[in-house]
N, C-alpha and C. Protein backbone atom coordinates (compact mmCIF):
# COMPACT_ATOMS: atom_id res chain seq x y z
N MET A 1 1.71 -24.62 34.30
CA MET A 1 1.96 -25.09 32.94
C MET A 1 1.10 -24.32 31.92
N SER A 2 -0.12 -23.97 32.31
CA SER A 2 -0.99 -23.29 31.35
C SER A 2 -0.50 -21.87 31.07
N LYS A 3 0.10 -21.18 32.06
CA LYS A 3 0.64 -19.84 31.81
C LYS A 3 1.81 -19.90 30.83
N LEU A 4 2.61 -20.92 30.94
CA LEU A 4 3.72 -21.10 30.02
C LEU A 4 3.21 -21.38 28.61
N ARG A 5 2.20 -22.18 28.50
CA ARG A 5 1.61 -22.51 27.20
C ARG A 5 1.02 -21.26 26.55
N ILE A 6 0.30 -20.47 27.34
CA ILE A 6 -0.29 -19.23 26.82
C ILE A 6 0.81 -18.27 26.37
N PHE A 7 1.86 -18.16 27.14
CA PHE A 7 2.98 -17.29 26.78
C PHE A 7 3.62 -17.74 25.47
N LEU A 8 3.87 -19.02 25.33
CA LEU A 8 4.49 -19.54 24.10
C LEU A 8 3.58 -19.35 22.89
N LEU A 9 2.31 -19.63 23.05
CA LEU A 9 1.38 -19.44 21.93
C LEU A 9 1.27 -17.96 21.55
N SER A 10 1.29 -17.09 22.55
CA SER A 10 1.23 -15.65 22.27
C SER A 10 2.48 -15.18 21.53
N THR A 11 3.62 -15.71 21.93
CA THR A 11 4.88 -15.35 21.27
C THR A 11 4.89 -15.84 19.83
N ILE A 12 4.45 -17.05 19.61
CA ILE A 12 4.40 -17.60 18.25
C ILE A 12 3.42 -16.80 17.39
N LEU A 13 2.28 -16.45 17.95
CA LEU A 13 1.30 -15.66 17.22
C LEU A 13 1.86 -14.28 16.86
N ALA A 14 2.51 -13.64 17.81
CA ALA A 14 3.08 -12.32 17.56
C ALA A 14 4.16 -12.38 16.47
N LEU A 15 5.01 -13.37 16.54
CA LEU A 15 6.05 -13.50 15.51
C LEU A 15 5.45 -13.83 14.15
N GLY A 16 4.43 -14.65 14.16
CA GLY A 16 3.76 -15.00 12.91
C GLY A 16 3.10 -13.80 12.25
N LEU A 17 2.47 -12.97 13.05
CA LEU A 17 1.80 -11.79 12.49
C LEU A 17 2.79 -10.74 11.99
N THR A 18 3.93 -10.63 12.61
CA THR A 18 4.91 -9.64 12.14
C THR A 18 5.53 -10.05 10.81
N SER A 19 5.50 -11.31 10.50
CA SER A 19 6.05 -11.75 9.22
C SER A 19 5.06 -11.58 8.08
N CYS A 20 3.84 -11.18 8.38
CA CYS A 20 2.80 -10.98 7.36
C CYS A 20 2.65 -9.52 6.98
N GLY A 21 3.63 -8.72 7.26
CA GLY A 21 3.52 -7.28 7.06
C GLY A 21 3.61 -6.85 5.60
N TYR A 22 3.46 -5.57 5.43
CA TYR A 22 3.53 -4.93 4.12
C TYR A 22 4.94 -5.05 3.56
N GLN A 23 5.03 -5.45 2.28
CA GLN A 23 6.33 -5.68 1.68
C GLN A 23 6.67 -4.68 0.58
N GLY A 24 5.89 -3.64 0.43
CA GLY A 24 6.21 -2.59 -0.52
C GLY A 24 5.70 -2.81 -1.92
N PHE A 25 4.75 -3.71 -2.11
CA PHE A 25 4.21 -3.95 -3.44
C PHE A 25 2.92 -3.17 -3.62
N TYR A 26 2.67 -2.78 -4.85
CA TYR A 26 1.44 -2.07 -5.19
C TYR A 26 0.54 -3.02 -5.96
N ARG A 27 -0.76 -2.95 -5.67
CA ARG A 27 -1.71 -3.82 -6.38
C ARG A 27 -1.79 -3.43 -7.86
N TYR A 28 -1.81 -2.14 -8.11
CA TYR A 28 -1.86 -1.63 -9.48
C TYR A 28 -0.60 -0.80 -9.74
N PRO A 29 -0.05 -0.86 -10.95
CA PRO A 29 1.15 -0.07 -11.24
C PRO A 29 0.92 1.43 -11.05
N CYS A 30 -0.29 1.90 -11.28
CA CYS A 30 -0.57 3.33 -11.18
C CYS A 30 -0.72 3.81 -9.75
N GLN A 31 -0.68 2.91 -8.75
CA GLN A 31 -0.65 3.34 -7.36
C GLN A 31 0.74 3.79 -6.95
N ASN A 32 1.74 3.37 -7.67
CA ASN A 32 3.13 3.72 -7.38
C ASN A 32 3.38 5.15 -7.85
N PRO A 33 3.78 6.04 -6.95
CA PRO A 33 4.02 7.43 -7.35
C PRO A 33 5.05 7.58 -8.48
N ASP A 34 5.94 6.63 -8.63
CA ASP A 34 6.92 6.70 -9.71
C ASP A 34 6.27 6.56 -11.08
N ASN A 35 5.08 5.97 -11.15
CA ASN A 35 4.41 5.72 -12.43
C ASN A 35 3.33 6.74 -12.76
N TRP A 36 3.09 7.71 -11.90
CA TRP A 36 1.99 8.63 -12.11
C TRP A 36 2.11 9.44 -13.39
N GLU A 37 3.28 9.67 -13.89
CA GLU A 37 3.46 10.47 -15.11
C GLU A 37 3.49 9.62 -16.37
N LYS A 38 3.49 8.31 -16.24
CA LYS A 38 3.54 7.43 -17.42
C LYS A 38 2.21 7.46 -18.16
N ALA A 39 2.28 7.22 -19.47
CA ALA A 39 1.09 7.28 -20.31
C ALA A 39 0.05 6.25 -19.89
N GLU A 40 0.48 5.09 -19.43
CA GLU A 40 -0.48 4.04 -19.05
C GLU A 40 -1.28 4.39 -17.80
N CYS A 41 -0.87 5.41 -17.06
CA CYS A 41 -1.57 5.84 -15.85
C CYS A 41 -2.38 7.12 -16.05
N ASN A 42 -2.41 7.60 -17.27
CA ASN A 42 -3.13 8.83 -17.57
C ASN A 42 -4.16 8.59 -18.66
N PRO A 43 -5.28 9.32 -18.60
CA PRO A 43 -6.31 9.17 -19.63
C PRO A 43 -5.77 9.51 -21.00
N PRO A 44 -6.24 8.92 -22.04
CA PRO A 44 -7.36 8.00 -22.17
C PRO A 44 -6.95 6.52 -22.05
N ILE A 45 -5.68 6.22 -21.95
CA ILE A 45 -5.22 4.83 -21.95
C ILE A 45 -5.77 4.05 -20.75
N CYS A 46 -5.75 4.65 -19.58
CA CYS A 46 -6.12 3.91 -18.37
C CYS A 46 -7.62 3.86 -18.10
N GLU A 47 -8.42 4.63 -18.83
CA GLU A 47 -9.84 4.70 -18.53
C GLU A 47 -10.58 3.39 -18.78
N ALA A 48 -10.18 2.64 -19.78
CA ALA A 48 -10.87 1.39 -20.09
C ALA A 48 -10.71 0.36 -18.97
N SER A 49 -9.55 0.31 -18.36
CA SER A 49 -9.31 -0.67 -17.30
C SER A 49 -9.65 -0.12 -15.91
N GLY A 50 -9.88 1.19 -15.79
CA GLY A 50 -10.20 1.80 -14.51
C GLY A 50 -9.01 1.90 -13.58
N THR A 51 -7.81 1.91 -14.13
CA THR A 51 -6.61 1.96 -13.29
C THR A 51 -5.92 3.32 -13.33
N CYS A 52 -6.65 4.35 -13.70
CA CYS A 52 -6.07 5.70 -13.67
C CYS A 52 -5.76 6.07 -12.22
N THR A 53 -4.73 6.86 -12.05
CA THR A 53 -4.34 7.29 -10.72
C THR A 53 -5.51 7.97 -10.02
N LYS A 54 -6.28 8.75 -10.74
CA LYS A 54 -7.41 9.46 -10.14
C LYS A 54 -8.51 8.51 -9.69
N ASP A 55 -8.57 7.31 -10.24
CA ASP A 55 -9.59 6.33 -9.88
C ASP A 55 -9.19 5.44 -8.70
N ILE A 56 -7.91 5.16 -8.55
CA ILE A 56 -7.50 4.19 -7.53
C ILE A 56 -6.84 4.81 -6.30
N ILE A 57 -6.62 6.12 -6.32
CA ILE A 57 -6.02 6.80 -5.17
C ILE A 57 -6.91 7.98 -4.80
N LYS A 58 -7.22 8.10 -3.51
CA LYS A 58 -8.02 9.22 -3.05
C LYS A 58 -7.27 10.52 -3.32
N LYS A 59 -8.03 11.55 -3.57
CA LYS A 59 -7.42 12.86 -3.86
C LYS A 59 -6.56 13.34 -2.69
N SER A 60 -7.01 13.13 -1.46
CA SER A 60 -6.25 13.60 -0.30
C SER A 60 -4.92 12.86 -0.17
N THR A 61 -4.91 11.57 -0.50
CA THR A 61 -3.67 10.79 -0.43
C THR A 61 -2.68 11.28 -1.46
N LYS A 62 -3.16 11.50 -2.68
CA LYS A 62 -2.28 11.95 -3.75
C LYS A 62 -1.69 13.33 -3.43
N SER A 63 -2.50 14.24 -2.93
CA SER A 63 -1.97 15.57 -2.60
C SER A 63 -1.03 15.50 -1.41
N ASN A 64 -1.28 14.60 -0.47
CA ASN A 64 -0.38 14.42 0.67
C ASN A 64 0.97 13.90 0.20
N LEU A 65 0.98 12.95 -0.70
CA LEU A 65 2.24 12.42 -1.21
C LEU A 65 3.00 13.46 -2.01
N ASN A 66 2.28 14.28 -2.75
CA ASN A 66 2.95 15.33 -3.53
C ASN A 66 3.58 16.38 -2.62
N THR A 67 2.92 16.71 -1.52
CA THR A 67 3.46 17.76 -0.65
C THR A 67 4.55 17.25 0.29
N THR A 68 4.57 15.94 0.57
CA THR A 68 5.58 15.40 1.48
C THR A 68 6.74 14.78 0.74
N GLY A 69 6.80 14.96 -0.54
CA GLY A 69 7.93 14.45 -1.31
C GLY A 69 7.88 12.95 -1.55
N GLY A 70 6.66 12.38 -1.62
CA GLY A 70 6.52 10.98 -1.94
C GLY A 70 6.50 10.04 -0.75
N THR A 71 6.47 10.57 0.45
CA THR A 71 6.38 9.70 1.62
C THR A 71 5.04 9.91 2.29
N ASN A 72 4.45 8.83 2.76
CA ASN A 72 3.18 8.89 3.45
C ASN A 72 3.43 8.57 4.91
N ASN A 73 3.28 9.54 5.76
CA ASN A 73 3.59 9.37 7.17
C ASN A 73 2.37 9.04 8.01
N GLY A 74 1.31 8.55 7.43
CA GLY A 74 0.17 8.24 8.27
C GLY A 74 -1.03 8.09 7.49
């Protein structure tokens, strides 16, 4: 009986964790590559709030997205 209970609890846990996945939302609008050219994501407008693309995205990530056509494969 205990092996069955462990199996069921493991299955429920696994299903529960898969439903908590990434849903494609960005915390800041300037993290979205579609918004990188907008005025609100470029200095001097974004400097007061600290949400400039250069502040919230690592340089290596931004260059990787630019070279791969907007997809991040890892």
